[in-house]
Amino acid sequence: AEFENLLPGEQRLLLETLVVLDLRRAELVAIELLGADRSDTTLAVVAAFLGEHGDTVETRHAIEGVTKRRKVSERLVQEAERAIARYDARMEAF
């Protein structure tokens, strides 16, 4: 719950720091965060992060899952769709 209390920039910085330490662990933590009951702002930060750094099928499924939740803002859906597009573009580059 403490992650939720951080400002969006602080959330992003924390995830970026985790990437430096262990990319796979950062991805797993972010996927877990997307699966929890979080604010739309936090979910948008995490989805954007995964769109830029995630590289597994589980990442894409987790981001897609955000768009299918009930009662999410249009802004969150748009951010998740942008994250999916970034993820897909990076995967096509491989």
PDB file of N, CA and C in Angstrom:
ATOM      1  N   ALA A   1       0.825  -1.200   0.000  1.00  0.00           N
ATOM      2  CA  ALA A   1       0.000   0.000   0.000  1.00  0.00           C
ATOM      3  C   ALA A   1       0.863   1.255   0.000  1.00  0.00           C
ATOM      4  N   GLU A   2       2.104   1.173   0.443  1.00  0.00           N
ATOM      5  CA  GLU A   2       2.962   2.348   0.473  1.00  0.00           C
ATOM      6  C   GLU A   2       3.285   2.842  -0.934  1.00  0.00           C
ATOM      7  N   PHE A   3       3.405   1.953  -1.894  1.00  0.00           N
ATOM      8  CA  PHE A   3       3.662   2.351  -3.280  1.00  0.00           C
ATOM      9  C   PHE A   3       2.555   3.275  -3.765  1.00  0.00           C
ATOM     10  N   GLU A   4       1.357   2.963  -3.398  1.00  0.00           N
ATOM     11  CA  GLU A   4       0.191   3.751  -3.795  1.00  0.00           C
ATOM     12  C   GLU A   4       0.268   5.177  -3.253  1.00  0.00           C
ATOM     13  N   ASN A   5       0.925   5.377  -2.129  1.00  0.00           N
ATOM     14  CA  ASN A   5       1.008   6.696  -1.504  1.00  0.00           C
ATOM     15  C   ASN A   5       2.087   7.592  -2.123  1.00  0.00           C
ATOM     16  N   LEU A   6       2.938   7.027  -2.957  1.00  0.00           N
ATOM     17  CA  LEU A   6       3.972   7.818  -3.610  1.00  0.00           C
ATOM     18  C   LEU A   6       3.372   8.634  -4.753  1.00  0.00           C
ATOM     19  N   LEU A   7       4.009   9.748  -5.056  1.00  0.00           N
ATOM     20  CA  LEU A   7       3.606  10.530  -6.219  1.00  0.00           C
ATOM     21  C   LEU A   7       3.950   9.744  -7.484  1.00  0.00           C
ATOM     22  N   PRO A   8       3.230   9.978  -8.586  1.00  0.00           N
ATOM     23  CA  PRO A   8       3.511   9.226  -9.818  1.00  0.00           C
ATOM     24  C   PRO A   8       4.979   9.252 -10.231  1.00  0.00           C
ATOM     25  N   GLY A   9       5.630  10.400 -10.131  1.00  0.00           N
ATOM     26  CA  GLY A   9       7.046  10.473 -10.477  1.00  0.00           C
ATOM     27  C   GLY A   9       7.913   9.613  -9.580  1.00  0.00           C
ATOM     28  N   GLU A  10       7.555   9.554  -8.315  1.00  0.00           N
ATOM     29  CA  GLU A  10       8.284   8.710  -7.366  1.00  0.00           C
ATOM     30  C   GLU A  10       8.041   7.235  -7.661  1.00  0.00           C
ATOM     31  N   GLN A  11       6.817   6.890  -8.043  1.00  0.00           N
ATOM     32  CA  GLN A  11       6.514   5.506  -8.407  1.00  0.00           C
ATOM     33  C   GLN A  11       7.371   5.084  -9.594  1.00  0.00           C
ATOM     34  N   ARG A  12       7.416   5.950 -10.584  1.00  0.00           N
ATOM     35  CA  ARG A  12       8.197   5.668 -11.798  1.00  0.00           C
ATOM     36  C   ARG A  12       9.685   5.518 -11.447  1.00  0.00           C
ATOM     37  N   LEU A  13      10.200   6.404 -10.629  1.00  0.00           N
ATOM     38  CA  LEU A  13      11.600   6.351 -10.225  1.00  0.00           C
ATOM     39  C   LEU A  13      11.918   5.050  -9.483  1.00  0.00           C
ATOM     40  N   LEU A  14      11.012   4.631  -8.620  1.00  0.00           N
ATOM     41  CA  LEU A  14      11.207   3.378  -7.893  1.00  0.00           C
ATOM     42  C   LEU A  14      11.271   2.194  -8.859  1.00  0.00           C
ATOM     43  N   LEU A  15      10.356   2.159  -9.816  1.00  0.00           N
ATOM     44  CA  LEU A  15      10.371   1.072 -10.800  1.00  0.00           C
ATOM     45  C   LEU A  15      11.623   1.129 -11.675  1.00  0.00           C
ATOM     46  N   GLU A  16      12.026   2.323 -12.076  1.00  0.00           N
ATOM     47  CA  GLU A  16      13.235   2.479 -12.895  1.00  0.00           C
ATOM     48  C   GLU A  16      14.480   2.020 -12.127  1.00  0.00           C
ATOM     49  N   THR A  17      14.518   2.291 -10.832  1.00  0.00           N
ATOM     50  CA  THR A  17      15.634   1.850 -10.000  1.00  0.00           C
ATOM     51  C   THR A  17      15.673   0.330  -9.938  1.00  0.00           C
ATOM     52  N   LEU A  18      14.515  -0.272  -9.810  1.00  0.00           N
ATOM     53  CA  LEU A  18      14.447  -1.735  -9.764  1.00  0.00           C
ATOM     54  C   LEU A  18      14.921  -2.353 -11.081  1.00  0.00           C
ATOM     55  N   VAL A  19      14.664  -1.687 -12.195  1.00  0.00           N
ATOM     56  CA  VAL A  19      15.136  -2.177 -13.498  1.00  0.00           C
ATOM     57  C   VAL A  19      16.661  -2.263 -13.514  1.00  0.00           C
ATOM     58  N   VAL A  20      17.293  -1.246 -12.963  1.00  0.00           N
ATOM     59  CA  VAL A  20      18.759  -1.228 -12.935  1.00  0.00           C
ATOM     60  C   VAL A  20      19.294  -2.410 -12.124  1.00  0.00           C
ATOM     61  N   LEU A  21      18.602  -2.734 -11.048  1.00  0.00           N
ATOM     62  CA  LEU A  21      19.038  -3.822 -10.181  1.00  0.00           C
ATOM     63  C   LEU A  21      18.727  -5.193 -10.759  1.00  0.00           C
ATOM     64  N   ASP A  22      17.510  -5.346 -11.318  1.00  0.00           N
ATOM     65  CA  ASP A  22      17.081  -6.659 -11.808  1.00  0.00           C
ATOM     66  C   ASP A  22      15.858  -6.479 -12.701  1.00  0.00           C
ATOM     67  N   LEU A  23      16.077  -6.489 -14.014  1.00  0.00           N
ATOM     68  CA  LEU A  23      14.988  -6.243 -14.967  1.00  0.00           C
ATOM     69  C   LEU A  23      13.833  -7.220 -14.785  1.00  0.00           C
ATOM     70  N   ARG A  24      14.135  -8.485 -14.670  1.00  0.00           N
ATOM     71  CA  ARG A  24      13.064  -9.492 -14.548  1.00  0.00           C
ATOM     72  C   ARG A  24      12.255  -9.271 -13.274  1.00  0.00           C
ATOM     73  N   ARG A  25      12.920  -8.976 -12.192  1.00  0.00           N
ATOM     74  CA  ARG A  25      12.212  -8.721 -10.924  1.00  0.00           C
ATOM     75  C   ARG A  25      11.345  -7.477 -11.048  1.00  0.00           C
ATOM     76  N   ALA A  26      11.855  -6.448 -11.698  1.00  0.00           N
ATOM     77  CA  ALA A  26      11.070  -5.221 -11.899  1.00  0.00           C
ATOM     78  C   ALA A  26       9.793  -5.528 -12.681  1.00  0.00           C
ATOM     79  N   GLU A  27       9.928  -6.358 -13.705  1.00  0.00           N
ATOM     80  CA  GLU A  27       8.770  -6.727 -14.514  1.00  0.00           C
ATOM     81  C   GLU A  27       7.755  -7.508 -13.673  1.00  0.00           C
ATOM     82  N   LEU A  28       8.226  -8.442 -12.877  1.00  0.00           N
ATOM     83  CA  LEU A  28       7.319  -9.230 -12.028  1.00  0.00           C
ATOM     84  C   LEU A  28       6.600  -8.363 -11.000  1.00  0.00           C
ATOM     85  N   VAL A  29       7.325  -7.434 -10.400  1.00  0.00           N
ATOM     86  CA  VAL A  29       6.718  -6.524  -9.418  1.00  0.00           C
ATOM     87  C   VAL A  29       5.655  -5.668 -10.096  1.00  0.00           C
ATOM     88  N   ALA A  30       5.981  -5.139 -11.264  1.00  0.00           N
ATOM     89  CA  ALA A  30       5.022  -4.290 -11.979  1.00  0.00           C
ATOM     90  C   ALA A  30       3.775  -5.069 -12.387  1.00  0.00           C
ATOM     91  N   ILE A  31       3.951  -6.290 -12.843  1.00  0.00           N
ATOM     92  CA  ILE A  31       2.793  -7.122 -13.196  1.00  0.00           C
ATOM     93  C   ILE A  31       1.923  -7.351 -11.963  1.00  0.00           C
ATOM     94  N   GLU A  32       2.567  -7.617 -10.851  1.00  0.00           N
ATOM     95  CA  GLU A  32       1.825  -7.803  -9.592  1.00  0.00           C
ATOM     96  C   GLU A  32       1.055  -6.536  -9.222  1.00  0.00           C
ATOM     97  N   LEU A  33       1.678  -5.384  -9.392  1.00  0.00           N
ATOM     98  CA  LEU A  33       1.005  -4.113  -9.097  1.00  0.00           C
ATOM     99  C   LEU A  33      -0.216  -3.905  -9.985  1.00  0.00           C
ATOM    100  N   LEU A  34      -0.117  -4.304 -11.244  1.00  0.00           N
ATOM    101  CA  LEU A  34      -1.272  -4.159 -12.148  1.00  0.00           C
ATOM    102  C   LEU A  34      -2.425  -5.061 -11.735  1.00  0.00           C
ATOM    103  N   GLY A  35      -2.112  -6.176 -11.114  1.00  0.00           N
ATOM    104  CA  GLY A  35      -3.149  -7.110 -10.711  1.00  0.00           C
ATOM    105  C   GLY A  35      -3.851  -6.739  -9.425  1.00  0.00           C
ATOM    106  N   ALA A  36      -3.328  -5.753  -8.726  1.00  0.00           N
ATOM    107  CA  ALA A  36      -3.892  -5.355  -7.432  1.00  0.00           C
ATOM    108  C   ALA A  36      -4.896  -4.218  -7.613  1.00  0.00           C
ATOM    109  N   ASP A  37      -5.630  -3.959  -6.566  1.00  0.00           N
ATOM    110  CA  ASP A  37      -6.599  -2.871  -6.561  1.00  0.00           C
ATOM    111  C   ASP A  37      -5.853  -1.569  -6.315  1.00  0.00           C
ATOM    112  N   ARG A  38      -5.590  -0.837  -7.371  1.00  0.00           N
ATOM    113  CA  ARG A  38      -4.806   0.399  -7.313  1.00  0.00           C
ATOM    114  C   ARG A  38      -5.590   1.533  -7.960  1.00  0.00           C
ATOM    115  N   SER A  39      -5.147   2.750  -7.698  1.00  0.00           N
ATOM    116  CA  SER A  39      -5.778   3.910  -8.329  1.00  0.00           C
ATOM    117  C   SER A  39      -5.459   3.906  -9.824  1.00  0.00           C
ATOM    118  N   ASP A  40      -6.289   4.596 -10.586  1.00  0.00           N
ATOM    119  CA  ASP A  40      -6.044   4.704 -12.026  1.00  0.00           C
ATOM    120  C   ASP A  40      -4.696   5.355 -12.304  1.00  0.00           C
ATOM    121  N   THR A  41      -4.305   6.316 -11.498  1.00  0.00           N
ATOM    122  CA  THR A  41      -3.023   6.997 -11.694  1.00  0.00           C
ATOM    123  C   THR A  41      -1.867   6.014 -11.532  1.00  0.00           C
ATOM    124  N   THR A  42      -1.910   5.215 -10.481  1.00  0.00           N
ATOM    125  CA  THR A  42      -0.859   4.217 -10.260  1.00  0.00           C
ATOM    126  C   THR A  42      -0.852   3.187 -11.376  1.00  0.00           C
ATOM    127  N   LEU A  43      -2.020   2.717 -11.776  1.00  0.00           N
ATOM    128  CA  LEU A  43      -2.099   1.732 -12.852  1.00  0.00           C
ATOM    129  C   LEU A  43      -1.545   2.298 -14.156  1.00  0.00           C
ATOM    130  N   ALA A  44      -1.804   3.573 -14.420  1.00  0.00           N
ATOM    131  CA  ALA A  44      -1.283   4.206 -15.636  1.00  0.00           C
ATOM    132  C   ALA A  44       0.246   4.263 -15.599  1.00  0.00           C
ATOM    133  N   VAL A  45       0.818   4.608 -14.458  1.00  0.00           N
ATOM    134  CA  VAL A  45       2.282   4.655 -14.310  1.00  0.00           C
ATOM    135  C   VAL A  45       2.872   3.270 -14.551  1.00  0.00           C
ATOM    136  N   VAL A  46       2.275   2.267 -13.944  1.00  0.00           N
ATOM    137  CA  VAL A  46       2.805   0.904 -14.050  1.00  0.00           C
ATOM    138  C   VAL A  46       2.630   0.364 -15.470  1.00  0.00           C
ATOM    139  N   ALA A  47       1.491   0.627 -16.097  1.00  0.00           N
ATOM    140  CA  ALA A  47       1.278   0.178 -17.477  1.00  0.00           C
ATOM    141  C   ALA A  47       2.298   0.820 -18.411  1.00  0.00           C
ATOM    142  N   ALA A  48       2.522   2.116 -18.251  1.00  0.00           N
ATOM    143  CA  ALA A  48       3.511   2.806 -19.090  1.00  0.00           C
ATOM    144  C   ALA A  48       4.898   2.211 -18.880  1.00  0.00           C
ATOM    145  N   PHE A  49       5.242   1.949 -17.631  1.00  0.00           N
ATOM    146  CA  PHE A  49       6.533   1.342 -17.309  1.00  0.00           C
ATOM    147  C   PHE A  49       6.683  -0.011 -18.006  1.00  0.00           C
ATOM    148  N   LEU A  50       5.656  -0.839 -17.917  1.00  0.00           N
ATOM    149  CA  LEU A  50       5.727  -2.157 -18.546  1.00  0.00           C
ATOM    150  C   LEU A  50       5.798  -2.053 -20.060  1.00  0.00           C
ATOM    151  N   GLY A  51       5.108  -1.074 -20.629  1.00  0.00           N
ATOM    152  CA  GLY A  51       5.171  -0.881 -22.071  1.00  0.00           C
ATOM    153  C   GLY A  51       6.585  -0.581 -22.543  1.00  0.00           C
ATOM    154  N   GLU A  52       7.358   0.071 -21.697  1.00  0.00           N
ATOM    155  CA  GLU A  52       8.724   0.434 -22.043  1.00  0.00           C
ATOM    156  C   GLU A  52       9.754  -0.632 -21.674  1.00  0.00           C
ATOM    157  N   HIS A  53       9.480  -1.424 -20.648  1.00  0.00           N
ATOM    158  CA  HIS A  53      10.505  -2.341 -20.135  1.00  0.00           C
ATOM    159  C   HIS A  53      10.129  -3.823 -20.168  1.00  0.00           C
ATOM    160  N   GLY A  54       8.861  -4.137 -20.159  1.00  0.00           N
ATOM    161  CA  GLY A  54       8.460  -5.543 -20.118  1.00  0.00           C
ATOM    162  C   GLY A  54       8.795  -6.269 -21.405  1.00  0.00           C
ATOM    163  N   ASP A  55       9.099  -7.549 -21.283  1.00  0.00           N
ATOM    164  CA  ASP A  55       9.424  -8.302 -22.498  1.00  0.00           C
ATOM    165  C   ASP A  55       8.878  -9.727 -22.494  1.00  0.00           C
ATOM    166  N   THR A  56       7.836  -9.950 -21.710  1.00  0.00           N
ATOM    167  CA  THR A  56       7.220 -11.276 -21.701  1.00  0.00           C
ATOM    168  C   THR A  56       5.756 -11.180 -22.126  1.00  0.00           C
ATOM    169  N   VAL A  57       5.227 -12.302 -22.524  1.00  0.00           N
ATOM    170  CA  VAL A  57       3.812 -12.361 -22.890  1.00  0.00           C
ATOM    171  C   VAL A  57       2.942 -11.997 -21.683  1.00  0.00           C
ATOM    172  N   GLU A  58       3.390 -12.366 -20.488  1.00  0.00           N
ATOM    173  CA  GLU A  58       2.648 -12.040 -19.273  1.00  0.00           C
ATOM    174  C   GLU A  58       2.491 -10.534 -19.116  1.00  0.00           C
ATOM    175  N   THR A  59       3.522  -9.793 -19.530  1.00  0.00           N
ATOM    176  CA  THR A  59       3.450  -8.333 -19.475  1.00  0.00           C
ATOM    177  C   THR A  59       2.310  -7.824 -20.339  1.00  0.00           C
ATOM    178  N   ARG A  60       2.266  -8.295 -21.569  1.00  0.00           N
ATOM    179  CA  ARG A  60       1.210  -7.826 -22.483  1.00  0.00           C
ATOM    180  C   ARG A  60      -0.166  -8.185 -21.936  1.00  0.00           C
ATOM    181  N   HIS A  61      -0.313  -9.386 -21.434  1.00  0.00           N
ATOM    182  CA  HIS A  61      -1.604  -9.807 -20.868  1.00  0.00           C
ATOM    183  C   HIS A  61      -1.994  -8.935 -19.673  1.00  0.00           C
ATOM    184  N   ALA A  62      -1.024  -8.602 -18.847  1.00  0.00           N
ATOM    185  CA  ALA A  62      -1.309  -7.765 -17.670  1.00  0.00           C
ATOM    186  C   ALA A  62      -1.778  -6.378 -18.090  1.00  0.00           C
ATOM    187  N   ILE A  63      -1.114  -5.802 -19.092  1.00  0.00           N
ATOM    188  CA  ILE A  63      -1.521  -4.481 -19.563  1.00  0.00           C
ATOM    189  C   ILE A  63      -2.911  -4.552 -20.193  1.00  0.00           C
ATOM    190  N   GLU A  64      -3.157  -5.569 -21.003  1.00  0.00           N
ATOM    191  CA  GLU A  64      -4.482  -5.740 -21.611  1.00  0.00           C
ATOM    192  C   GLU A  64      -5.564  -5.876 -20.541  1.00  0.00           C
ATOM    193  N   GLY A  65      -5.229  -6.563 -19.459  1.00  0.00           N
ATOM    194  CA  GLY A  65      -6.189  -6.760 -18.382  1.00  0.00           C
ATOM    195  C   GLY A  65      -6.691  -5.465 -17.784  1.00  0.00           C
ATOM    196  N   VAL A  66      -5.827  -4.459 -17.753  1.00  0.00           N
ATOM    197  CA  VAL A  66      -6.219  -3.154 -17.216  1.00  0.00           C
ATOM    198  C   VAL A  66      -7.361  -2.561 -18.038  1.00  0.00           C
ATOM    199  N   THR A  67      -7.297  -2.731 -19.352  1.00  0.00           N
ATOM    200  CA  THR A  67      -8.322  -2.132 -20.216  1.00  0.00           C
ATOM    201  C   THR A  67      -9.672  -2.835 -20.090  1.00  0.00           C
ATOM    202  N   LYS A  68      -9.671  -4.022 -19.528  1.00  0.00           N
ATOM    203  CA  LYS A  68     -10.907  -4.804 -19.427  1.00  0.00           C
ATOM    204  C   LYS A  68     -11.571  -4.722 -18.060  1.00  0.00           C
ATOM    205  N   ARG A  69     -10.955  -3.988 -17.153  1.00  0.00           N
ATOM    206  CA  ARG A  69     -11.546  -3.836 -15.825  1.00  0.00           C
ATOM    207  C   ARG A  69     -12.764  -2.939 -15.889  1.00  0.00           C
ATOM    208  N   ARG A  70     -13.652  -3.158 -14.972  1.00  0.00           N
ATOM    209  CA  ARG A  70     -14.806  -2.269 -14.851  1.00  0.00           C
ATOM    210  C   ARG A  70     -14.388  -0.991 -14.153  1.00  0.00           C
ATOM    211  N   LYS A  71     -15.068   0.052 -14.485  1.00  0.00           N
ATOM    212  CA  LYS A  71     -14.904   1.339 -13.796  1.00  0.00           C
ATOM    213  C   LYS A  71     -13.486   1.892 -13.848  1.00  0.00           C
ATOM    214  N   VAL A  72     -12.862   1.831 -14.994  1.00  0.00           N
ATOM    215  CA  VAL A  72     -11.576   2.496 -15.150  1.00  0.00           C
ATOM    216  C   VAL A  72     -11.781   3.726 -16.021  1.00  0.00           C
ATOM    217  N   SER A  73     -10.953   4.710 -15.808  1.00  0.00           N
ATOM    218  CA  SER A  73     -11.094   5.963 -16.549  1.00  0.00           C
ATOM    219  C   SER A  73     -10.656   5.788 -17.999  1.00  0.00           C
ATOM    220  N   GLU A  74     -11.172   6.642 -18.832  1.00  0.00           N
ATOM    221  CA  GLU A  74     -10.779   6.644 -20.243  1.00  0.00           C
ATOM    222  C   GLU A  74      -9.283   6.945 -20.369  1.00  0.00           C
ATOM    223  N   ARG A  75      -8.780   7.800 -19.498  1.00  0.00           N
ATOM    224  CA  ARG A  75      -7.368   8.138 -19.490  1.00  0.00           C
ATOM    225  C   ARG A  75      -6.511   6.903 -19.234  1.00  0.00           C
ATOM    226  N   LEU A  76      -6.943   6.057 -18.301  1.00  0.00           N
ATOM    227  CA  LEU A  76      -6.204   4.830 -18.006  1.00  0.00           C
ATOM    228  C   LEU A  76      -6.244   3.884 -19.195  1.00  0.00           C
ATOM    229  N   VAL A  77      -7.409   3.739 -19.801  1.00  0.00           N
ATOM    230  CA  VAL A  77      -7.527   2.866 -20.973  1.00  0.00           C
ATOM    231  C   VAL A  77      -6.597   3.360 -22.085  1.00  0.00           C
ATOM    232  N   GLN A  78      -6.565   4.672 -22.312  1.00  0.00           N
ATOM    233  CA  GLN A  78      -5.686   5.230 -23.346  1.00  0.00           C
ATOM    234  C   GLN A  78      -4.214   4.988 -23.018  1.00  0.00           C
ATOM    235  N   GLU A  79      -3.832   5.164 -21.765  1.00  0.00           N
ATOM    236  CA  GLU A  79      -2.438   4.921 -21.367  1.00  0.00           C
ATOM    237  C   GLU A  79      -2.081   3.448 -21.547  1.00  0.00           C
ATOM    238  N   ALA A  80      -2.988   2.562 -21.180  1.00  0.00           N
ATOM    239  CA  ALA A  80      -2.740   1.128 -21.350  1.00  0.00           C
ATOM    240  C   ALA A  80      -2.615   0.780 -22.835  1.00  0.00           C
ATOM    241  N   GLU A  81      -3.437   1.375 -23.659  1.00  0.00           N
ATOM    242  CA  GLU A  81      -3.349   1.116 -25.104  1.00  0.00           C
ATOM    243  C   GLU A  81      -2.030   1.629 -25.673  1.00  0.00           C
ATOM    244  N   ARG A  82      -1.565   2.787 -25.205  1.00  0.00           N
ATOM    245  CA  ARG A  82      -0.252   3.300 -25.628  1.00  0.00           C
ATOM    246  C   ARG A  82       0.857   2.356 -25.154  1.00  0.00           C
ATOM    247  N   ALA A  83       0.721   1.843 -23.944  1.00  0.00           N
ATOM    248  CA  ALA A  83       1.722   0.914 -23.405  1.00  0.00           C
ATOM    249  C   ALA A  83       1.777  -0.364 -24.236  1.00  0.00           C
ATOM    250  N   ILE A  84       0.619  -0.863 -24.632  1.00  0.00           N
ATOM    251  CA  ILE A  84       0.576  -2.061 -25.481  1.00  0.00           C
ATOM    252  C   ILE A  84       1.254  -1.769 -26.814  1.00  0.00           C
ATOM    253  N   ALA A  85       0.988  -0.607 -27.388  1.00  0.00           N
ATOM    254  CA  ALA A  85       1.617  -0.245 -28.661  1.00  0.00           C
ATOM    255  C   ALA A  85       3.132  -0.158 -28.521  1.00  0.00           C
ATOM    256  N   ARG A  86       3.628   0.429 -27.422  1.00  0.00           N
ATOM    257  CA  ARG A  86       5.073   0.503 -27.196  1.00  0.00           C
ATOM    258  C   ARG A  86       5.664  -0.896 -27.028  1.00  0.00           C
ATOM    259  N   TYR A  87       4.975  -1.726 -26.251  1.00  0.00           N
ATOM    260  CA  TYR A  87       5.421  -3.101 -26.035  1.00  0.00           C
ATOM    261  C   TYR A  87       5.507  -3.833 -27.378  1.00  0.00           C
ATOM    262  N   ASP A  88       4.420  -3.758 -28.159  1.00  0.00           N
ATOM    263  CA  ASP A  88       4.392  -4.457 -29.464  1.00  0.00           C
ATOM    264  C   ASP A  88       5.497  -3.967 -30.380  1.00  0.00           C
ATOM    265  N   ALA A  89       5.738  -2.663 -30.422  1.00  0.00           N
ATOM    266  CA  ALA A  89       6.785  -2.115 -31.277  1.00  0.00           C
ATOM    267  C   ALA A  89       8.161  -2.631 -30.858  1.00  0.00           C
ATOM    268  N   ARG A  90       8.390  -2.699 -29.550  1.00  0.00           N
ATOM    269  CA  ARG A  90       9.676  -3.208 -29.077  1.00  0.00           C
ATOM    270  C   ARG A  90       9.834  -4.685 -29.397  1.00  0.00           C
ATOM    271  N   MET A  91       8.766  -5.456 -29.269  1.00  0.00           N
ATOM    272  CA  MET A  91       8.846  -6.893 -29.543  1.00  0.00           C
ATOM    273  C   MET A  91       9.053  -7.158 -31.043  1.00  0.00           C
ATOM    274  N   GLU A  92       8.470  -6.317 -31.898  1.00  0.00           N
ATOM    275  CA  GLU A  92       8.658  -6.473 -33.336  1.00  0.00           C
ATOM    276  C   GLU A  92      10.091  -6.186 -33.753  1.00  0.00           C
ATOM    277  N   ALA A  93      10.774  -5.349 -32.968  1.00  0.00           N
ATOM    278  CA  ALA A  93      12.151  -4.986 -33.277  1.00  0.00           C
ATOM    279  C   ALA A  93      13.118  -6.144 -33.049  1.00  0.00           C
ATOM    280  N   PHE A  94      12.703  -7.134 -32.282  1.00  0.00           N
ATOM    281  CA  PHE A  94      13.579  -8.284 -31.997  1.00  0.00           C
ATOM    282  C   PHE A  94      13.642  -9.245 -33.136  1.00  0.00           C
TER     283      PHE A  94
END
